[in-house]
Amino acid sequence: MRITITERHCTIPSRVTTRTETVVGGLTKYEDRATAAEVVFSDEKHTKKAEIIVHIDG
């Protein structure tokens, strides 16, 4: 699965990036048709968010 990680208005440590790739890559255990995932980390005023979009073939 192709995993794209984006940082918006923040900087993510490499250990978080590595862990994200491991966890998101493990989603294929539950859905084998998953072809790609987009992970967006953002920091807006007082809100920190992580958004994951998984693309499934079919």
N, C-alpha and C. Protein backbone atom coordinates (compact mmCIF):
# COMPACT_ATOMS: atom_id res chain seq x y z
N MET A 1 0.85 -1.16 0.00
CA MET A 1 0.00 0.00 0.00
C MET A 1 0.90 1.24 0.00
N ARG A 2 0.53 2.21 -0.81
CA ARG A 2 1.26 3.47 -0.88
C ARG A 2 0.73 4.40 0.21
N ILE A 3 1.64 4.91 1.04
CA ILE A 3 1.25 5.78 2.15
C ILE A 3 1.89 7.16 1.95
N THR A 4 1.06 8.19 1.96
CA THR A 4 1.52 9.57 1.82
C THR A 4 1.25 10.30 3.13
N ILE A 5 2.28 10.92 3.69
CA ILE A 5 2.14 11.66 4.94
C ILE A 5 2.40 13.14 4.67
N THR A 6 1.45 13.98 5.10
CA THR A 6 1.54 15.42 4.89
C THR A 6 1.47 16.13 6.24
N GLU A 7 2.27 17.18 6.39
CA GLU A 7 2.27 18.00 7.60
C GLU A 7 1.78 19.39 7.23
N ARG A 8 0.72 19.85 7.90
CA ARG A 8 0.19 21.20 7.65
C ARG A 8 0.38 22.05 8.89
N HIS A 9 1.17 23.08 8.78
CA HIS A 9 1.42 24.04 9.87
C HIS A 9 2.02 23.37 11.10
N CYS A 10 2.75 22.28 10.91
CA CYS A 10 3.39 21.61 12.03
C CYS A 10 4.56 20.77 11.51
N THR A 11 5.37 20.30 12.44
CA THR A 11 6.47 19.41 12.11
C THR A 11 6.32 18.14 12.94
N ILE A 12 6.32 17.00 12.28
CA ILE A 12 6.13 15.72 12.94
C ILE A 12 7.49 15.05 13.10
N PRO A 13 7.82 14.54 14.30
CA PRO A 13 9.09 13.84 14.49
C PRO A 13 9.16 12.56 13.64
N SER A 14 10.36 12.16 13.30
CA SER A 14 10.53 10.98 12.44
C SER A 14 9.99 9.71 13.11
N ARG A 15 10.04 9.63 14.43
CA ARG A 15 9.52 8.43 15.11
C ARG A 15 8.00 8.33 14.95
N VAL A 16 7.31 9.46 14.89
CA VAL A 16 5.86 9.45 14.67
C VAL A 16 5.56 9.05 13.23
N THR A 17 6.36 9.54 12.30
CA THR A 17 6.19 9.18 10.89
C THR A 17 6.39 7.68 10.70
N THR A 18 7.43 7.13 11.32
CA THR A 18 7.70 5.70 11.21
C THR A 18 6.57 4.88 11.81
N ARG A 19 6.09 5.29 12.98
CA ARG A 19 4.99 4.57 13.64
C ARG A 19 3.72 4.66 12.80
N THR A 20 3.46 5.81 12.21
CA THR A 20 2.29 5.99 11.36
C THR A 20 2.33 5.03 10.18
N GLU A 21 3.49 4.92 9.53
CA GLU A 21 3.62 4.01 8.40
C GLU A 21 3.38 2.57 8.82
N THR A 22 3.85 2.18 10.00
CA THR A 22 3.65 0.82 10.50
C THR A 22 2.18 0.53 10.78
N VAL A 23 1.53 1.45 11.48
CA VAL A 23 0.13 1.23 11.86
C VAL A 23 -0.79 1.28 10.64
N VAL A 24 -0.62 2.28 9.80
CA VAL A 24 -1.49 2.41 8.62
C VAL A 24 -1.22 1.26 7.64
N GLY A 25 0.02 0.86 7.50
CA GLY A 25 0.34 -0.28 6.64
C GLY A 25 -0.30 -1.57 7.13
N GLY A 26 -0.52 -1.68 8.44
CA GLY A 26 -1.16 -2.86 9.01
C GLY A 26 -2.65 -2.94 8.73
N LEU A 27 -3.24 -1.88 8.20
CA LEU A 27 -4.67 -1.91 7.88
C LEU A 27 -5.00 -2.92 6.80
N THR A 28 -4.02 -3.32 6.01
CA THR A 28 -4.27 -4.32 4.96
C THR A 28 -4.64 -5.66 5.57
N LYS A 29 -4.36 -5.84 6.84
CA LYS A 29 -4.76 -7.07 7.53
C LYS A 29 -6.29 -7.16 7.60
N TYR A 30 -6.97 -6.01 7.65
CA TYR A 30 -8.42 -5.97 7.75
C TYR A 30 -9.10 -5.75 6.41
N GLU A 31 -8.41 -5.09 5.49
CA GLU A 31 -8.97 -4.81 4.16
C GLU A 31 -7.88 -4.99 3.13
N ASP A 32 -7.87 -6.14 2.46
CA ASP A 32 -6.78 -6.45 1.52
C ASP A 32 -6.88 -5.69 0.20
N ARG A 33 -8.00 -5.00 -0.04
CA ARG A 33 -8.15 -4.23 -1.28
C ARG A 33 -7.63 -2.80 -1.15
N ALA A 34 -7.14 -2.43 0.03
CA ALA A 34 -6.62 -1.08 0.25
C ALA A 34 -5.37 -0.87 -0.61
N THR A 35 -5.39 0.18 -1.43
CA THR A 35 -4.28 0.44 -2.35
C THR A 35 -3.42 1.62 -1.93
N ALA A 36 -4.01 2.58 -1.21
CA ALA A 36 -3.25 3.77 -0.82
C ALA A 36 -3.88 4.39 0.42
N ALA A 37 -3.07 5.16 1.13
CA ALA A 37 -3.56 5.88 2.30
C ALA A 37 -2.90 7.25 2.34
N GLU A 38 -3.69 8.25 2.69
CA GLU A 38 -3.19 9.61 2.86
C GLU A 38 -3.36 9.97 4.33
N VAL A 39 -2.28 10.39 4.97
CA VAL A 39 -2.32 10.79 6.37
C VAL A 39 -1.94 12.27 6.43
N VAL A 40 -2.80 13.08 7.06
CA VAL A 40 -2.55 14.51 7.15
C VAL A 40 -2.52 14.90 8.63
N PHE A 41 -1.37 15.40 9.08
CA PHE A 41 -1.24 15.95 10.43
C PHE A 41 -1.39 17.45 10.31
N SER A 42 -2.24 18.05 11.16
CA SER A 42 -2.41 19.50 11.08
C SER A 42 -2.48 20.10 12.48
N ASP A 43 -2.10 21.36 12.55
CA ASP A 43 -2.13 22.12 13.80
C ASP A 43 -2.77 23.46 13.48
N GLU A 44 -4.00 23.66 13.96
CA GLU A 44 -4.74 24.89 13.70
C GLU A 44 -5.15 25.50 15.04
N LYS A 45 -4.56 26.60 15.39
CA LYS A 45 -4.80 27.29 16.66
C LYS A 45 -4.64 26.31 17.83
N HIS A 46 -5.73 25.92 18.46
CA HIS A 46 -5.66 25.05 19.63
C HIS A 46 -6.06 23.61 19.30
N THR A 47 -6.15 23.27 18.04
CA THR A 47 -6.59 21.94 17.64
C THR A 47 -5.50 21.23 16.86
N LYS A 48 -5.16 20.03 17.30
CA LYS A 48 -4.21 19.19 16.57
C LYS A 48 -5.00 18.00 16.03
N LYS A 49 -4.82 17.71 14.74
CA LYS A 49 -5.60 16.64 14.12
C LYS A 49 -4.72 15.71 13.31
N ALA A 50 -5.15 14.46 13.22
CA ALA A 50 -4.56 13.49 12.31
C ALA A 50 -5.73 12.91 11.51
N GLU A 51 -5.67 13.07 10.20
CA GLU A 51 -6.74 12.60 9.32
C GLU A 51 -6.17 11.50 8.44
N ILE A 52 -6.88 10.37 8.35
CA ILE A 52 -6.42 9.25 7.53
C ILE A 52 -7.50 8.94 6.50
N ILE A 53 -7.12 8.95 5.23
CA ILE A 53 -8.02 8.60 4.14
C ILE A 53 -7.44 7.35 3.47
N VAL A 54 -8.23 6.28 3.44
CA VAL A 54 -7.78 5.02 2.84
C VAL A 54 -8.52 4.81 1.53
N HIS A 55 -7.77 4.56 0.47
CA HIS A 55 -8.34 4.30 -0.85
C HIS A 55 -8.43 2.79 -1.05
N ILE A 56 -9.64 2.33 -1.43
CA ILE A 56 -9.88 0.90 -1.60
C ILE A 56 -10.25 0.63 -3.04
N ASP A 57 -9.62 -0.37 -3.62
CA ASP A 57 -9.87 -0.76 -5.01
C ASP A 57 -11.20 -1.50 -5.10
N GLY A 58 -11.99 -1.16 -6.10
CA GLY A 58 -13.20 -1.93 -6.32
C GLY A 58 -14.40 -1.14 -6.32
